[in-house]
Amino acid sequence: MNILSTAFALIFIAIVALASFWLKEEVINEYKKFSISKNSGPSFFLKDFDSTKTDEDGNLQSSLQAEYMRHFKDQDKTSLSKPFYTKYKNKNKHSTIYSDVGEISDKGEQIILKENAILIRLPTKTKRVLKLFTHELNIYSELDVVTSQKAVKMIQEPNIEIDGIGMKYDNKDGILKLLSNVKVRYEKPRGDQRFKE
């Protein structure tokens, strides 16, 4: 009789222990779900966001503006609505990039502009306006480089149109390279004669 009651008591204790463990796990899982849903919104946001970067002498190097900036602390992500990036060279505007949405990552080292991204290199004394259209541009501010892995269309005024896949623009050297599947269309200044390369 003692053996049976002892065995029964041990089995009962084991069942209670398993039930307690299961309940604890369920409570933890529900808490995690609640925390994620509670923290899914931004930690903070700014309207009419405007940030500038200068060199050691106080000369403007770049600026980033957006209609809205939202920072998500849990995801370590910052999203932008209607971002507009401006690069300066010799105290003058050199190029602009804008799109519908964007993200800032790596503590501001990388800015990603997505959906209808447009890069415009402004005219200089020796170069005409250059426009580049794509779905995503990656700006590496410290390296002064802009890249894309997407399809791009480049228009060099007044009469050159180039399509390709992927690009790299080194702002320091002023060199823009299309990486693959490059097709060039050139329109002669006189008449309607066109040819493709």
N, C-alpha and C. Protein backbone atom coordinates (compact mmCIF):
# COMPACT_ATOMS: atom_id res chain seq x y z
N MET A 1 0.83 -1.20 0.00
CA MET A 1 0.00 0.00 0.00
C MET A 1 0.87 1.25 0.00
N ASN A 2 1.95 1.24 0.78
CA ASN A 2 2.87 2.37 0.83
C ASN A 2 3.53 2.63 -0.52
N ILE A 3 3.90 1.56 -1.21
CA ILE A 3 4.55 1.68 -2.51
C ILE A 3 3.60 2.31 -3.51
N LEU A 4 2.32 1.87 -3.50
CA LEU A 4 1.34 2.43 -4.44
C LEU A 4 1.08 3.91 -4.16
N SER A 5 0.92 4.27 -2.91
CA SER A 5 0.67 5.69 -2.59
C SER A 5 1.88 6.55 -2.92
N THR A 6 3.08 6.02 -2.70
CA THR A 6 4.30 6.76 -3.05
C THR A 6 4.39 6.94 -4.56
N ALA A 7 4.13 5.86 -5.31
CA ALA A 7 4.17 5.94 -6.78
C ALA A 7 3.13 6.94 -7.29
N PHE A 8 1.92 6.87 -6.70
CA PHE A 8 0.86 7.80 -7.10
C PHE A 8 1.28 9.26 -6.84
N ALA A 9 1.87 9.48 -5.64
CA ALA A 9 2.31 10.84 -5.29
C ALA A 9 3.39 11.33 -6.25
N LEU A 10 4.34 10.46 -6.64
CA LEU A 10 5.42 10.84 -7.58
C LEU A 10 4.86 11.16 -8.96
N ILE A 11 3.90 10.32 -9.41
CA ILE A 11 3.28 10.58 -10.72
C ILE A 11 2.52 11.90 -10.69
N PHE A 12 1.79 12.13 -9.61
CA PHE A 12 1.03 13.38 -9.48
C PHE A 12 1.97 14.60 -9.50
N ILE A 13 3.09 14.49 -8.76
CA ILE A 13 4.07 15.60 -8.72
C ILE A 13 4.66 15.83 -10.12
N ALA A 14 4.95 14.72 -10.85
CA ALA A 14 5.50 14.85 -12.21
C ALA A 14 4.51 15.54 -13.14
N ILE A 15 3.21 15.19 -13.02
CA ILE A 15 2.18 15.82 -13.86
C ILE A 15 2.07 17.31 -13.54
N VAL A 16 2.08 17.65 -12.26
CA VAL A 16 2.01 19.06 -11.85
C VAL A 16 3.23 19.84 -12.37
N ALA A 17 4.42 19.22 -12.28
CA ALA A 17 5.64 19.88 -12.75
C ALA A 17 5.58 20.13 -14.26
N LEU A 18 5.12 19.10 -15.03
CA LEU A 18 4.99 19.26 -16.49
C LEU A 18 3.96 20.34 -16.83
N ALA A 19 2.84 20.34 -16.13
CA ALA A 19 1.81 21.35 -16.38
C ALA A 19 2.33 22.75 -16.06
N SER A 20 3.09 22.87 -14.97
CA SER A 20 3.65 24.17 -14.59
C SER A 20 4.64 24.66 -15.65
N PHE A 21 5.48 23.74 -16.14
CA PHE A 21 6.46 24.10 -17.18
C PHE A 21 5.75 24.56 -18.45
N TRP A 22 4.70 23.79 -18.85
CA TRP A 22 3.95 24.15 -20.05
C TRP A 22 3.28 25.51 -19.91
N LEU A 23 2.66 25.77 -18.74
CA LEU A 23 2.02 27.07 -18.50
C LEU A 23 3.02 28.21 -18.54
N LYS A 24 4.19 27.98 -17.95
CA LYS A 24 5.24 29.02 -17.96
C LYS A 24 5.65 29.36 -19.39
N GLU A 25 5.85 28.32 -20.23
CA GLU A 25 6.23 28.55 -21.63
C GLU A 25 5.14 29.30 -22.38
N GLU A 26 3.90 28.97 -22.16
CA GLU A 26 2.78 29.65 -22.81
C GLU A 26 2.73 31.13 -22.42
N VAL A 27 2.92 31.40 -21.13
CA VAL A 27 2.92 32.79 -20.65
C VAL A 27 4.06 33.58 -21.29
N ILE A 28 5.25 32.97 -21.36
CA ILE A 28 6.41 33.64 -21.98
C ILE A 28 6.13 33.94 -23.45
N ASN A 29 5.58 32.96 -24.19
CA ASN A 29 5.27 33.16 -25.61
C ASN A 29 4.24 34.27 -25.81
N GLU A 30 3.21 34.29 -24.98
CA GLU A 30 2.19 35.35 -25.09
C GLU A 30 2.79 36.72 -24.78
N TYR A 31 3.69 36.78 -23.81
CA TYR A 31 4.33 38.04 -23.47
C TYR A 31 5.18 38.54 -24.63
N LYS A 32 5.90 37.62 -25.27
CA LYS A 32 6.72 38.01 -26.43
C LYS A 32 5.85 38.55 -27.54
N LYS A 33 4.74 37.87 -27.84
CA LYS A 33 3.83 38.34 -28.88
C LYS A 33 3.29 39.72 -28.53
N PHE A 34 2.92 39.92 -27.29
CA PHE A 34 2.40 41.22 -26.85
C PHE A 34 3.46 42.30 -26.98
N SER A 35 4.70 41.98 -26.60
CA SER A 35 5.79 42.97 -26.68
C SER A 35 6.05 43.37 -28.11
N ILE A 36 6.05 42.37 -29.02
CA ILE A 36 6.30 42.68 -30.44
C ILE A 36 5.20 43.55 -30.99
N SER A 37 3.93 43.22 -30.71
CA SER A 37 2.83 44.02 -31.23
C SER A 37 2.83 45.41 -30.60
N LYS A 38 3.19 45.49 -29.33
CA LYS A 38 3.23 46.79 -28.64
C LYS A 38 4.32 47.68 -29.21
N ASN A 39 5.45 47.07 -29.58
CA ASN A 39 6.59 47.84 -30.06
C ASN A 39 6.70 47.90 -31.57
N SER A 40 5.64 47.51 -32.30
CA SER A 40 5.73 47.50 -33.76
C SER A 40 5.71 48.92 -34.33
N GLY A 41 5.23 49.88 -33.58
CA GLY A 41 5.23 51.26 -34.03
C GLY A 41 6.59 51.89 -33.85
N PRO A 42 6.80 53.07 -34.44
CA PRO A 42 8.10 53.73 -34.33
C PRO A 42 8.38 54.21 -32.91
N SER A 43 9.67 54.20 -32.55
CA SER A 43 10.09 54.74 -31.25
C SER A 43 9.89 56.25 -31.23
N PHE A 44 10.19 56.88 -32.37
CA PHE A 44 9.90 58.31 -32.53
C PHE A 44 9.85 58.62 -34.02
N PHE A 45 9.25 59.76 -34.37
CA PHE A 45 9.20 60.18 -35.76
C PHE A 45 9.32 61.70 -35.84
N LEU A 46 9.77 62.17 -36.99
CA LEU A 46 9.93 63.60 -37.23
C LEU A 46 9.25 63.97 -38.53
N LYS A 47 8.57 65.08 -38.54
CA LYS A 47 8.01 65.62 -39.76
C LYS A 47 8.98 66.67 -40.30
N ASP A 48 9.10 66.75 -41.62
CA ASP A 48 10.04 67.68 -42.27
C ASP A 48 11.46 67.46 -41.75
N PHE A 49 11.91 66.22 -41.83
CA PHE A 49 13.25 65.83 -41.39
C PHE A 49 14.30 66.52 -42.27
N ASP A 50 15.36 67.04 -41.65
CA ASP A 50 16.43 67.72 -42.39
C ASP A 50 17.74 67.51 -41.64
N SER A 51 18.70 66.88 -42.31
CA SER A 51 19.99 66.58 -41.71
C SER A 51 21.10 67.02 -42.67
N THR A 52 22.15 67.64 -42.13
CA THR A 52 23.26 68.07 -42.98
C THR A 52 24.58 67.52 -42.44
N LYS A 53 25.54 67.37 -43.34
CA LYS A 53 26.87 66.89 -42.98
C LYS A 53 27.89 67.88 -43.53
N THR A 54 28.85 68.27 -42.68
CA THR A 54 29.87 69.22 -43.10
C THR A 54 31.26 68.61 -42.92
N ASP A 55 32.25 69.22 -43.56
CA ASP A 55 33.63 68.79 -43.36
C ASP A 55 34.23 69.51 -42.15
N GLU A 56 35.52 69.32 -41.91
CA GLU A 56 36.18 69.91 -40.73
C GLU A 56 36.14 71.43 -40.73
N ASP A 57 36.09 72.02 -41.94
CA ASP A 57 36.08 73.48 -42.04
C ASP A 57 34.67 74.06 -42.03
N GLY A 58 33.67 73.19 -41.88
CA GLY A 58 32.29 73.68 -41.84
C GLY A 58 31.64 73.79 -43.20
N ASN A 59 32.31 73.32 -44.25
CA ASN A 59 31.72 73.37 -45.59
C ASN A 59 30.72 72.23 -45.75
N LEU A 60 29.58 72.56 -46.35
CA LEU A 60 28.51 71.59 -46.53
C LEU A 60 28.96 70.48 -47.48
N GLN A 61 28.81 69.21 -47.03
CA GLN A 61 29.15 68.06 -47.87
C GLN A 61 27.91 67.40 -48.45
N SER A 62 26.88 67.22 -47.60
CA SER A 62 25.65 66.59 -48.08
C SER A 62 24.50 66.97 -47.16
N SER A 63 23.29 66.79 -47.68
CA SER A 63 22.10 66.99 -46.87
C SER A 63 21.08 65.91 -47.21
N LEU A 64 20.28 65.56 -46.23
CA LEU A 64 19.22 64.56 -46.43
C LEU A 64 17.94 65.12 -45.82
N GLN A 65 16.91 65.18 -46.64
CA GLN A 65 15.62 65.69 -46.19
C GLN A 65 14.55 64.65 -46.48
N ALA A 66 13.46 64.70 -45.74
CA ALA A 66 12.33 63.80 -45.98
C ALA A 66 11.07 64.40 -45.38
N GLU A 67 9.93 64.05 -45.96
CA GLU A 67 8.65 64.51 -45.40
C GLU A 67 8.47 63.95 -43.99
N TYR A 68 8.79 62.65 -43.83
CA TYR A 68 8.70 62.00 -42.52
C TYR A 68 9.90 61.08 -42.32
N MET A 69 10.39 61.05 -41.09
CA MET A 69 11.42 60.10 -40.69
C MET A 69 10.87 59.34 -39.50
N ARG A 70 10.89 57.99 -39.58
CA ARG A 70 10.41 57.15 -38.48
C ARG A 70 11.53 56.21 -38.06
N HIS A 71 11.83 56.20 -36.76
CA HIS A 71 12.88 55.32 -36.25
C HIS A 71 12.26 54.19 -35.44
N PHE A 72 12.63 52.94 -35.77
CA PHE A 72 12.15 51.75 -35.08
C PHE A 72 13.32 51.17 -34.28
N LYS A 73 13.32 51.42 -32.99
CA LYS A 73 14.44 51.04 -32.13
C LYS A 73 14.64 49.52 -32.11
N ASP A 74 13.55 48.76 -31.96
CA ASP A 74 13.65 47.31 -31.86
C ASP A 74 14.24 46.68 -33.12
N GLN A 75 13.96 47.27 -34.28
CA GLN A 75 14.46 46.74 -35.54
C GLN A 75 15.75 47.42 -35.98
N ASP A 76 16.19 48.43 -35.21
CA ASP A 76 17.37 49.23 -35.56
C ASP A 76 17.27 49.71 -37.01
N LYS A 77 16.12 50.32 -37.32
CA LYS A 77 15.83 50.76 -38.69
C LYS A 77 15.22 52.15 -38.66
N THR A 78 15.56 52.95 -39.67
CA THR A 78 14.96 54.26 -39.83
C THR A 78 14.38 54.35 -41.23
N SER A 79 13.09 54.66 -41.33
CA SER A 79 12.45 54.76 -42.64
C SER A 79 12.18 56.22 -42.98
N LEU A 80 12.16 56.51 -44.29
CA LEU A 80 11.96 57.87 -44.78
C LEU A 80 10.84 57.89 -45.80
N SER A 81 10.04 58.96 -45.77
CA SER A 81 9.02 59.19 -46.78
C SER A 81 9.47 60.36 -47.64
N LYS A 82 9.47 60.16 -48.96
CA LYS A 82 9.89 61.18 -49.93
C LYS A 82 11.28 61.74 -49.60
N PRO A 83 12.30 60.88 -49.49
CA PRO A 83 13.65 61.38 -49.18
C PRO A 83 14.25 62.15 -50.34
N PHE A 84 15.09 63.13 -50.01
CA PHE A 84 15.77 63.97 -51.01
C PHE A 84 17.20 64.19 -50.51
N TYR A 85 18.16 63.61 -51.23
CA TYR A 85 19.58 63.68 -50.84
C TYR A 85 20.31 64.62 -51.79
N THR A 86 21.11 65.52 -51.23
CA THR A 86 21.87 66.46 -52.04
C THR A 86 23.35 66.34 -51.70
N LYS A 87 24.19 66.24 -52.74
CA LYS A 87 25.64 66.16 -52.57
C LYS A 87 26.24 67.49 -53.03
N TYR A 88 27.17 68.02 -52.23
CA TYR A 88 27.82 69.29 -52.55
C TYR A 88 29.28 69.04 -52.90
N LYS A 89 29.79 69.87 -53.82
CA LYS A 89 31.19 69.79 -54.21
C LYS A 89 31.68 71.22 -54.42
N ASN A 90 32.78 71.55 -53.78
CA ASN A 90 33.32 72.92 -53.86
C ASN A 90 32.26 73.97 -53.49
N LYS A 91 31.51 73.67 -52.44
CA LYS A 91 30.49 74.56 -51.88
C LYS A 91 29.27 74.74 -52.79
N ASN A 92 29.19 73.97 -53.87
CA ASN A 92 28.04 74.07 -54.78
C ASN A 92 27.31 72.73 -54.83
N LYS A 93 26.01 72.78 -55.15
CA LYS A 93 25.25 71.55 -55.35
C LYS A 93 25.85 70.80 -56.54
N HIS A 94 26.15 69.52 -56.33
CA HIS A 94 26.75 68.72 -57.39
C HIS A 94 25.76 67.71 -57.97
N SER A 95 25.01 67.03 -57.07
CA SER A 95 24.03 66.05 -57.53
C SER A 95 22.91 65.92 -56.50
N THR A 96 21.77 65.43 -56.98
CA THR A 96 20.63 65.18 -56.11
C THR A 96 20.10 63.78 -56.39
N ILE A 97 19.55 63.16 -55.36
CA ILE A 97 18.91 61.86 -55.51
C ILE A 97 17.61 61.90 -54.70
N TYR A 98 16.54 61.45 -55.30
CA TYR A 98 15.29 61.42 -54.56
C TYR A 98 14.46 60.21 -54.99
N SER A 99 13.48 59.83 -54.13
CA SER A 99 12.64 58.67 -54.40
C SER A 99 11.37 58.77 -53.55
N ASP A 100 10.55 57.72 -53.62
CA ASP A 100 9.30 57.72 -52.85
C ASP A 100 9.54 57.32 -51.39
N VAL A 101 10.38 56.30 -51.17
CA VAL A 101 10.67 55.84 -49.81
C VAL A 101 12.16 55.59 -49.65
N GLY A 102 12.61 55.53 -48.40
CA GLY A 102 14.02 55.28 -48.14
C GLY A 102 14.25 54.68 -46.77
N GLU A 103 15.49 54.25 -46.55
CA GLU A 103 15.90 53.70 -45.25
C GLU A 103 17.31 54.20 -44.93
N ILE A 104 17.57 54.36 -43.65
CA ILE A 104 18.91 54.68 -43.18
C ILE A 104 19.38 53.51 -42.34
N SER A 105 20.60 53.02 -42.61
CA SER A 105 21.13 51.91 -41.82
C SER A 105 22.61 52.15 -41.54
N ASP A 106 23.19 51.25 -40.75
CA ASP A 106 24.61 51.33 -40.37
C ASP A 106 24.96 52.70 -39.77
N LYS A 107 24.07 53.20 -38.89
CA LYS A 107 24.29 54.47 -38.20
C LYS A 107 24.52 55.63 -39.17
N GLY A 108 23.76 55.61 -40.27
CA GLY A 108 23.84 56.69 -41.24
C GLY A 108 24.87 56.49 -42.33
N GLU A 109 25.62 55.38 -42.28
CA GLU A 109 26.65 55.14 -43.30
C GLU A 109 26.03 54.75 -44.64
N GLN A 110 24.85 54.13 -44.61
CA GLN A 110 24.18 53.72 -45.84
C GLN A 110 22.77 54.27 -45.87
N ILE A 111 22.42 54.87 -47.01
CA ILE A 111 21.07 55.38 -47.23
C ILE A 111 20.55 54.68 -48.48
N ILE A 112 19.39 54.04 -48.35
CA ILE A 112 18.80 53.31 -49.47
C ILE A 112 17.55 54.05 -49.91
N LEU A 113 17.53 54.48 -51.17
CA LEU A 113 16.36 55.15 -51.72
C LEU A 113 15.69 54.20 -52.70
N LYS A 114 14.38 53.94 -52.47
CA LYS A 114 13.66 52.94 -53.25
C LYS A 114 12.42 53.55 -53.90
N GLU A 115 11.95 52.84 -54.92
CA GLU A 115 10.72 53.19 -55.63
C GLU A 115 10.86 54.53 -56.32
N ASN A 116 11.04 54.46 -57.63
CA ASN A 116 11.18 55.65 -58.48
C ASN A 116 12.36 56.52 -58.06
N ALA A 117 13.50 55.89 -57.89
CA ALA A 117 14.71 56.64 -57.51
C ALA A 117 15.29 57.34 -58.73
N ILE A 118 15.64 58.60 -58.55
CA ILE A 118 16.20 59.42 -59.64
C ILE A 118 17.45 60.12 -59.14
N LEU A 119 18.55 59.93 -59.86
CA LEU A 119 19.80 60.62 -59.59
C LEU A 119 20.01 61.67 -60.68
N ILE A 120 20.30 62.88 -60.29
CA ILE A 120 20.58 63.95 -61.25
C ILE A 120 21.94 64.56 -60.93
N ARG A 121 22.88 64.44 -61.89
CA ARG A 121 24.15 65.15 -61.75
C ARG A 121 23.97 66.50 -62.44
N LEU A 122 24.08 67.55 -61.67
CA LEU A 122 23.80 68.89 -62.18
C LEU A 122 24.88 69.33 -63.16
N PRO A 123 24.55 70.26 -64.06
CA PRO A 123 25.53 70.68 -65.07
C PRO A 123 26.70 71.44 -64.46
N THR A 124 27.86 71.30 -65.10
CA THR A 124 29.06 72.06 -64.73
C THR A 124 29.54 72.80 -65.98
N LYS A 125 30.68 73.46 -65.87
CA LYS A 125 31.22 74.18 -67.02
C LYS A 125 31.60 73.22 -68.14
N THR A 126 31.96 71.99 -67.79
CA THR A 126 32.43 71.03 -68.80
C THR A 126 31.45 69.88 -69.06
N LYS A 127 30.44 69.69 -68.19
CA LYS A 127 29.53 68.56 -68.34
C LYS A 127 28.08 69.03 -68.34
N ARG A 128 27.28 68.34 -69.16
CA ARG A 128 25.85 68.63 -69.18
C ARG A 128 25.13 67.81 -68.12
N VAL A 129 23.83 68.08 -67.98
CA VAL A 129 23.01 67.36 -67.00
C VAL A 129 22.98 65.87 -67.34
N LEU A 130 23.09 65.05 -66.31
CA LEU A 130 22.97 63.60 -66.46
C LEU A 130 21.87 63.13 -65.50
N LYS A 131 20.94 62.32 -66.02
CA LYS A 131 19.85 61.80 -65.18
C LYS A 131 19.88 60.28 -65.23
N LEU A 132 19.65 59.67 -64.08
CA LEU A 132 19.62 58.22 -63.99
C LEU A 132 18.35 57.80 -63.26
N PHE A 133 17.62 56.84 -63.84
CA PHE A 133 16.34 56.37 -63.29
C PHE A 133 16.45 54.89 -62.95
N THR A 134 15.98 54.50 -61.76
CA THR A 134 16.02 53.10 -61.34
C THR A 134 15.04 52.89 -60.19
N HIS A 135 14.99 51.65 -59.67
CA HIS A 135 14.07 51.36 -58.56
C HIS A 135 14.75 51.41 -57.20
N GLU A 136 16.09 51.38 -57.17
CA GLU A 136 16.77 51.40 -55.87
C GLU A 136 18.20 51.92 -56.03
N LEU A 137 18.56 52.86 -55.17
CA LEU A 137 19.93 53.38 -55.13
C LEU A 137 20.46 53.28 -53.71
N ASN A 138 21.71 52.83 -53.58
CA ASN A 138 22.37 52.72 -52.28
C ASN A 138 23.45 53.79 -52.19
N ILE A 139 23.31 54.68 -51.22
CA ILE A 139 24.27 55.77 -51.03
C ILE A 139 25.18 55.40 -49.86
N TYR A 140 26.49 55.33 -50.12
CA TYR A 140 27.48 55.09 -49.07
C TYR A 140 28.18 56.42 -48.83
N SER A 141 27.71 57.15 -47.81
CA SER A 141 28.13 58.54 -47.62
C SER A 141 29.62 58.68 -47.33
N GLU A 142 30.18 57.79 -46.52
CA GLU A 142 31.61 57.90 -46.19
C GLU A 142 32.50 57.61 -47.40
N LEU A 143 32.09 56.67 -48.24
CA LEU A 143 32.87 56.32 -49.42
C LEU A 143 32.61 57.27 -50.58
N ASP A 144 31.52 58.05 -50.48
CA ASP A 144 31.12 58.95 -51.56
C ASP A 144 30.81 58.17 -52.83
N VAL A 145 30.09 57.05 -52.65
CA VAL A 145 29.76 56.16 -53.76
C VAL A 145 28.27 55.87 -53.74
N VAL A 146 27.67 55.75 -54.94
CA VAL A 146 26.27 55.37 -55.10
C VAL A 146 26.23 54.13 -55.98
N THR A 147 25.47 53.10 -55.58
CA THR A 147 25.38 51.87 -56.37
C THR A 147 23.93 51.45 -56.55
N SER A 148 23.74 50.56 -57.52
CA SER A 148 22.43 49.91 -57.70
C SER A 148 22.67 48.56 -58.34
N GLN A 149 21.82 47.59 -58.00
CA GLN A 149 21.85 46.27 -58.64
C GLN A 149 20.66 46.12 -59.59
N LYS A 150 19.84 47.14 -59.69
CA LYS A 150 18.61 47.08 -60.48
C LYS A 150 18.85 47.58 -61.91
N ALA A 151 17.81 47.43 -62.74
CA ALA A 151 17.84 47.99 -64.10
C ALA A 151 17.88 49.52 -63.99
N VAL A 152 18.71 50.14 -64.82
CA VAL A 152 18.85 51.60 -64.80
C VAL A 152 18.71 52.16 -66.21
N LYS A 153 18.24 53.39 -66.27
CA LYS A 153 18.20 54.14 -67.53
C LYS A 153 18.92 55.46 -67.28
N MET A 154 19.92 55.74 -68.11
CA MET A 154 20.70 56.96 -67.96
C MET A 154 20.47 57.85 -69.19
N ILE A 155 20.21 59.10 -68.95
CA ILE A 155 20.02 60.05 -70.05
C ILE A 155 21.06 61.15 -69.90
N GLN A 156 21.92 61.25 -70.91
CA GLN A 156 22.96 62.29 -70.94
C GLN A 156 22.51 63.32 -71.95
N GLU A 157 22.23 64.51 -71.48
CA GLU A 157 21.78 65.56 -72.40
C GLU A 157 22.89 65.88 -73.39
N PRO A 158 22.58 66.21 -74.64
CA PRO A 158 21.21 66.37 -75.14
C PRO A 158 20.65 65.13 -75.83
N ASN A 159 21.46 64.11 -76.15
CA ASN A 159 20.94 63.10 -77.08
C ASN A 159 21.47 61.68 -76.87
N ILE A 160 21.87 61.31 -75.67
CA ILE A 160 22.35 59.95 -75.42
C ILE A 160 21.47 59.30 -74.36
N GLU A 161 21.01 58.07 -74.66
CA GLU A 161 20.20 57.31 -73.71
C GLU A 161 20.83 55.93 -73.55
N ILE A 162 21.09 55.52 -72.31
CA ILE A 162 21.77 54.26 -72.05
C ILE A 162 20.97 53.45 -71.04
N ASP A 163 20.76 52.16 -71.37
CA ASP A 163 20.09 51.23 -70.45
C ASP A 163 21.10 50.19 -70.00
N GLY A 164 20.92 49.68 -68.78
CA GLY A 164 21.81 48.64 -68.28
C GLY A 164 21.28 48.04 -66.99
N ILE A 165 22.02 47.06 -66.48
CA ILE A 165 21.69 46.44 -65.20
C ILE A 165 22.83 46.71 -64.23
N GLY A 166 22.52 47.36 -63.13
CA GLY A 166 23.53 47.67 -62.12
C GLY A 166 24.37 48.88 -62.49
N MET A 167 24.78 49.63 -61.47
CA MET A 167 25.63 50.79 -61.71
C MET A 167 26.45 51.11 -60.48
N LYS A 168 27.55 51.84 -60.70
CA LYS A 168 28.37 52.37 -59.61
C LYS A 168 28.79 53.77 -60.00
N TYR A 169 28.50 54.71 -59.11
CA TYR A 169 28.87 56.11 -59.34
C TYR A 169 29.82 56.53 -58.24
N ASP A 170 31.07 56.79 -58.61
CA ASP A 170 32.09 57.26 -57.67
C ASP A 170 32.13 58.78 -57.77
N ASN A 171 31.58 59.43 -56.77
CA ASN A 171 31.46 60.89 -56.82
C ASN A 171 32.82 61.58 -56.76
N LYS A 172 33.79 60.97 -56.07
CA LYS A 172 35.12 61.59 -55.98
C LYS A 172 35.78 61.67 -57.35
N ASP A 173 35.68 60.57 -58.12
CA ASP A 173 36.29 60.53 -59.45
C ASP A 173 35.36 61.08 -60.52
N GLY A 174 34.08 61.20 -60.21
CA GLY A 174 33.11 61.68 -61.20
C GLY A 174 32.83 60.64 -62.28
N ILE A 175 33.04 59.35 -61.97
CA ILE A 175 32.87 58.29 -62.97
C ILE A 175 31.63 57.47 -62.64
N LEU A 176 30.75 57.31 -63.62
CA LEU A 176 29.57 56.49 -63.49
C LEU A 176 29.71 55.29 -64.43
N LYS A 177 29.62 54.08 -63.87
CA LYS A 177 29.76 52.85 -64.67
C LYS A 177 28.47 52.07 -64.62
N LEU A 178 28.00 51.63 -65.79
CA LEU A 178 26.91 50.66 -65.85
C LEU A 178 27.56 49.28 -65.91
N LEU A 179 27.03 48.32 -65.16
CA LEU A 179 27.76 47.07 -64.94
C LEU A 179 27.48 45.96 -65.94
N SER A 180 26.27 45.85 -66.50
CA SER A 180 26.00 44.77 -67.45
C SER A 180 24.81 45.10 -68.33
N ASN A 181 24.65 44.31 -69.42
CA ASN A 181 23.54 44.45 -70.38
C ASN A 181 23.39 45.90 -70.87
N VAL A 182 24.48 46.52 -71.20
CA VAL A 182 24.46 47.93 -71.57
C VAL A 182 24.01 48.10 -73.02
N LYS A 183 23.03 48.98 -73.23
CA LYS A 183 22.54 49.31 -74.57
C LYS A 183 22.51 50.82 -74.70
N VAL A 184 23.12 51.33 -75.78
CA VAL A 184 23.24 52.77 -75.98
C VAL A 184 22.40 53.19 -77.19
N ARG A 185 21.66 54.27 -77.03
CA ARG A 185 20.95 54.86 -78.15
C ARG A 185 21.40 56.31 -78.27
N TYR A 186 21.85 56.65 -79.46
CA TYR A 186 22.36 58.00 -79.71
C TYR A 186 21.56 58.63 -80.82
N GLU A 187 21.07 59.81 -80.56
CA GLU A 187 20.33 60.54 -81.59
C GLU A 187 21.21 61.64 -82.14
N LYS A 188 21.42 61.61 -83.44
CA LYS A 188 22.26 62.64 -84.05
C LYS A 188 21.58 63.99 -83.90
N PRO A 189 22.38 65.04 -83.69
CA PRO A 189 21.80 66.37 -83.49
C PRO A 189 20.95 66.84 -84.67
N ARG A 190 21.33 66.45 -85.92
CA ARG A 190 20.57 66.88 -87.09
C ARG A 190 19.68 65.74 -87.58
N GLY A 191 18.43 66.02 -87.86
CA GLY A 191 17.52 65.03 -88.43
C GLY A 191 17.05 64.03 -87.40
N ASP A 192 16.39 62.99 -87.92
CA ASP A 192 15.82 61.96 -87.06
C ASP A 192 16.58 60.65 -87.14
N GLN A 193 17.78 60.65 -87.70
CA GLN A 193 18.53 59.41 -87.83
C GLN A 193 19.00 58.94 -86.47
N ARG A 194 18.77 57.66 -86.18
CA ARG A 194 19.17 57.09 -84.90
C ARG A 194 19.89 55.78 -85.17
N PHE A 195 20.78 55.44 -84.27
CA PHE A 195 21.39 54.11 -84.35
C PHE A 195 21.60 53.59 -82.96
N LYS A 196 21.71 52.25 -82.87
CA LYS A 196 21.93 51.59 -81.59
C LYS A 196 23.27 50.90 -81.60
N GLU A 197 23.90 50.84 -80.43
CA GLU A 197 25.15 50.08 -80.28
C GLU A 197 24.89 48.83 -79.50
